[in-house]
Structure formats: C-alpha cells, structure tokens
C-alpha cells in the first residue's frame, strides 16, 4: 500500500482496543501517494470494517492482503474530510 501507520490502543498488549490508526509515512511513488493519502491522515475503515473501537485481533484478517490486491480504505483528513481511497497492496518493504 505504501504507508507506515501508527496505531493507538487501550487495554491488553496482545489484543488492545484500537483508538486510532494514523498514517506515519507515505512511500514515494506508491498507490497511497497516488491516491493522495498523506501523513497525519486517519484510517477509519478498512474494507468496510470500522477501525476505532475494534479489537486488534479482530482486524487482523482485514490487514492480510495479497500483493497486487486492491484495498478500500476510508481516510479522514486533518480537515475532517472523509473519503474513500483505493490502494494496492505491495510487498512488506514498500
């Protein structure tokens, strides 16, 4: 996808409740950059699944993608604008 994220959660370290997922880095030339995902954006949904309030282990299946698979994210900009973006899963190094 071409992003690094920062996850904030509450509760047990092995399965916290997610408070937020923010974009910490966008890889130059990635599908995320082309979709105008930016550092500071919040990911509020992954493939239709609400992020905030979910248990980390419950989101794990939504985070397992094949290289080349399109992934729909709902992204909230710092301005409050929420929009859908499609990104393409890449290798772990991307």
C-alpha atoms as a PDB file:
ATOM      1  CA  UNK A   1       0.000   0.000   0.000  1.00  0.00           C
ATOM      2  CA  UNK A   2       2.940   2.242   0.520  1.00  0.00           C
ATOM      3  CA  UNK A   3       2.176   3.510   4.014  1.00  0.00           C
ATOM      4  CA  UNK A   4       3.518   3.088   7.511  1.00  0.00           C
ATOM      5  CA  UNK A   5       0.995   3.509  10.288  1.00  0.00           C
ATOM      6  CA  UNK A   6       0.912   4.399  13.953  1.00  0.00           C
ATOM      7  CA  UNK A   7      -1.705   2.544  15.978  1.00  0.00           C
ATOM      8  CA  UNK A   8      -3.048   3.793  19.308  1.00  0.00           C
ATOM      9  CA  UNK A   9      -4.924   1.374  21.515  1.00  0.00           C
ATOM     10  CA  UNK A  10      -6.178   0.704  25.014  1.00  0.00           C
ATOM     11  CA  UNK A  11      -6.097  -2.470  27.044  1.00  0.00           C
ATOM     12  CA  UNK A  12      -4.117  -5.672  26.868  1.00  0.00           C
ATOM     13  CA  UNK A  13      -0.991  -5.534  24.716  1.00  0.00           C
ATOM     14  CA  UNK A  14      -1.855  -8.800  22.950  1.00  0.00           C
ATOM     15  CA  UNK A  15      -5.334  -7.600  21.867  1.00  0.00           C
ATOM     16  CA  UNK A  16      -5.899  -3.891  22.524  1.00  0.00           C
ATOM     17  CA  UNK A  17      -8.988  -1.952  21.546  1.00  0.00           C
ATOM     18  CA  UNK A  18      -7.980   0.322  18.674  1.00  0.00           C
ATOM     19  CA  UNK A  19      -8.392   4.048  19.349  1.00  0.00           C
ATOM     20  CA  UNK A  20      -6.891   5.307  16.096  1.00  0.00           C
ATOM     21  CA  UNK A  21      -4.727   4.400  13.116  1.00  0.00           C
ATOM     22  CA  UNK A  22      -2.772   7.295  11.629  1.00  0.00           C
ATOM     23  CA  UNK A  23      -0.549   7.439   8.580  1.00  0.00           C
ATOM     24  CA  UNK A  24       3.038   7.985   9.732  1.00  0.00           C
ATOM     25  CA  UNK A  25       4.768   7.734   6.324  1.00  0.00           C
ATOM     26  CA  UNK A  26       3.769   7.549   2.665  1.00  0.00           C
ATOM     27  CA  UNK A  27       6.185   5.868   0.255  1.00  0.00           C
ATOM     28  CA  UNK A  28       7.047   7.972  -2.789  1.00  0.00           C
ATOM     29  CA  UNK A  29       5.506   6.527  -5.959  1.00  0.00           C
ATOM     30  CA  UNK A  30       3.164   4.185  -4.069  1.00  0.00           C
ATOM     31  CA  UNK A  31      -0.530   3.704  -4.743  1.00  0.00           C
ATOM     32  CA  UNK A  32      -1.220   5.511  -1.460  1.00  0.00           C
ATOM     33  CA  UNK A  33       0.669   8.574  -2.680  1.00  0.00           C
ATOM     34  CA  UNK A  34      -1.225   8.457  -5.986  1.00  0.00           C
ATOM     35  CA  UNK A  35      -4.498   8.281  -4.007  1.00  0.00           C
ATOM     36  CA  UNK A  36      -3.377  11.418  -2.105  1.00  0.00           C
ATOM     37  CA  UNK A  37      -3.078   9.681   1.260  1.00  0.00           C
ATOM     38  CA  UNK A  38      -0.878  11.900   3.455  1.00  0.00           C
ATOM     39  CA  UNK A  39       0.997  11.776   6.745  1.00  0.00           C
ATOM     40  CA  UNK A  40      -1.447  12.654   9.532  1.00  0.00           C
ATOM     41  CA  UNK A  41      -4.483  11.126   7.817  1.00  0.00           C
ATOM     42  CA  UNK A  42      -6.525   8.715   9.945  1.00  0.00           C
ATOM     43  CA  UNK A  43      -7.664   5.367   8.571  1.00  0.00           C
ATOM     44  CA  UNK A  44     -11.244   4.999   9.789  1.00  0.00           C
ATOM     45  CA  UNK A  45     -12.295   1.901   7.801  1.00  0.00           C
ATOM     46  CA  UNK A  46     -10.517  -0.982   6.109  1.00  0.00           C
ATOM     47  CA  UNK A  47     -12.595  -2.885   3.564  1.00  0.00           C
ATOM     48  CA  UNK A  48     -15.795  -1.636   5.200  1.00  0.00           C
ATOM     49  CA  UNK A  49     -14.710  -2.536   8.728  1.00  0.00           C
ATOM     50  CA  UNK A  50     -14.701   0.290  11.309  1.00  0.00           C
ATOM     51  CA  UNK A  51     -11.244   0.678  12.872  1.00  0.00           C
ATOM     52  CA  UNK A  52     -11.851   2.707  16.062  1.00  0.00           C
ATOM     53  CA  UNK A  53     -13.351   0.526  18.769  1.00  0.00           C
ATOM     54  CA  UNK A  54     -12.361  -2.755  17.119  1.00  0.00           C
ATOM     55  CA  UNK A  55     -10.131  -5.288  18.823  1.00  0.00           C
ATOM     56  CA  UNK A  56      -6.720  -5.614  17.155  1.00  0.00           C
ATOM     57  CA  UNK A  57      -7.099  -9.377  16.654  1.00  0.00           C
ATOM     58  CA  UNK A  58     -10.496  -8.855  15.014  1.00  0.00           C
ATOM     59  CA  UNK A  59      -8.915  -6.504  12.447  1.00  0.00           C
ATOM     60  CA  UNK A  60      -6.049  -8.841  11.642  1.00  0.00           C
ATOM     61  CA  UNK A  61      -7.936 -10.579   8.762  1.00  0.00           C
ATOM     62  CA  UNK A  62      -8.592  -7.168   7.166  1.00  0.00           C
ATOM     63  CA  UNK A  63      -4.852  -6.487   7.247  1.00  0.00           C
ATOM     64  CA  UNK A  64      -3.779  -9.624   5.362  1.00  0.00           C
ATOM     65  CA  UNK A  65      -3.571  -8.838   1.649  1.00  0.00           C
ATOM     66  CA  UNK A  66      -2.062 -10.481  -1.399  1.00  0.00           C
ATOM     67  CA  UNK A  67       0.493  -8.435  -3.339  1.00  0.00           C
ATOM     68  CA  UNK A  68      -1.416  -6.572  -6.047  1.00  0.00           C
ATOM     69  CA  UNK A  69      -4.775  -6.774  -4.244  1.00  0.00           C
ATOM     70  CA  UNK A  70      -6.848  -3.580  -4.223  1.00  0.00           C
ATOM     71  CA  UNK A  71      -7.838  -2.417  -0.762  1.00  0.00           C
ATOM     72  CA  UNK A  72     -10.579   0.111   0.003  1.00  0.00           C
ATOM     73  CA  UNK A  73      -9.811   2.500   2.850  1.00  0.00           C
ATOM     74  CA  UNK A  74     -11.883   5.299   4.326  1.00  0.00           C
ATOM     75  CA  UNK A  75      -9.447   8.055   5.195  1.00  0.00           C
ATOM     76  CA  UNK A  76     -10.136  11.084   7.372  1.00  0.00           C
ATOM     77  CA  UNK A  77      -8.056  14.149   6.606  1.00  0.00           C
ATOM     78  CA  UNK A  78      -6.980  16.506   9.434  1.00  0.00           C
ATOM     79  CA  UNK A  79      -9.549  18.964   7.994  1.00  0.00           C
ATOM     80  CA  UNK A  80     -12.303  16.471   8.862  1.00  0.00           C
ATOM     81  CA  UNK A  81     -12.996  15.458   5.252  1.00  0.00           C
ATOM     82  CA  UNK A  82     -13.613  11.705   4.947  1.00  0.00           C
ATOM     83  CA  UNK A  83     -13.154   9.977   1.620  1.00  0.00           C
ATOM     84  CA  UNK A  84     -12.767   6.527   0.139  1.00  0.00           C
ATOM     85  CA  UNK A  85      -9.472   5.614  -1.492  1.00  0.00           C
ATOM     86  CA  UNK A  86      -8.298   2.503  -3.300  1.00  0.00           C
ATOM     87  CA  UNK A  87      -4.721   1.417  -2.712  1.00  0.00           C
ATOM     88  CA  UNK A  88      -2.833  -1.606  -3.967  1.00  0.00           C
ATOM     89  CA  UNK A  89      -1.110  -3.946  -1.530  1.00  0.00           C
ATOM     90  CA  UNK A  90       2.604  -4.241  -2.121  1.00  0.00           C
ATOM     91  CA  UNK A  91       5.421  -6.132  -0.501  1.00  0.00           C
ATOM     92  CA  UNK A  92       6.218  -5.568   3.173  1.00  0.00           C
ATOM     93  CA  UNK A  93       9.234  -3.482   2.152  1.00  0.00           C
ATOM     94  CA  UNK A  94       7.097  -0.993   0.186  1.00  0.00           C
END
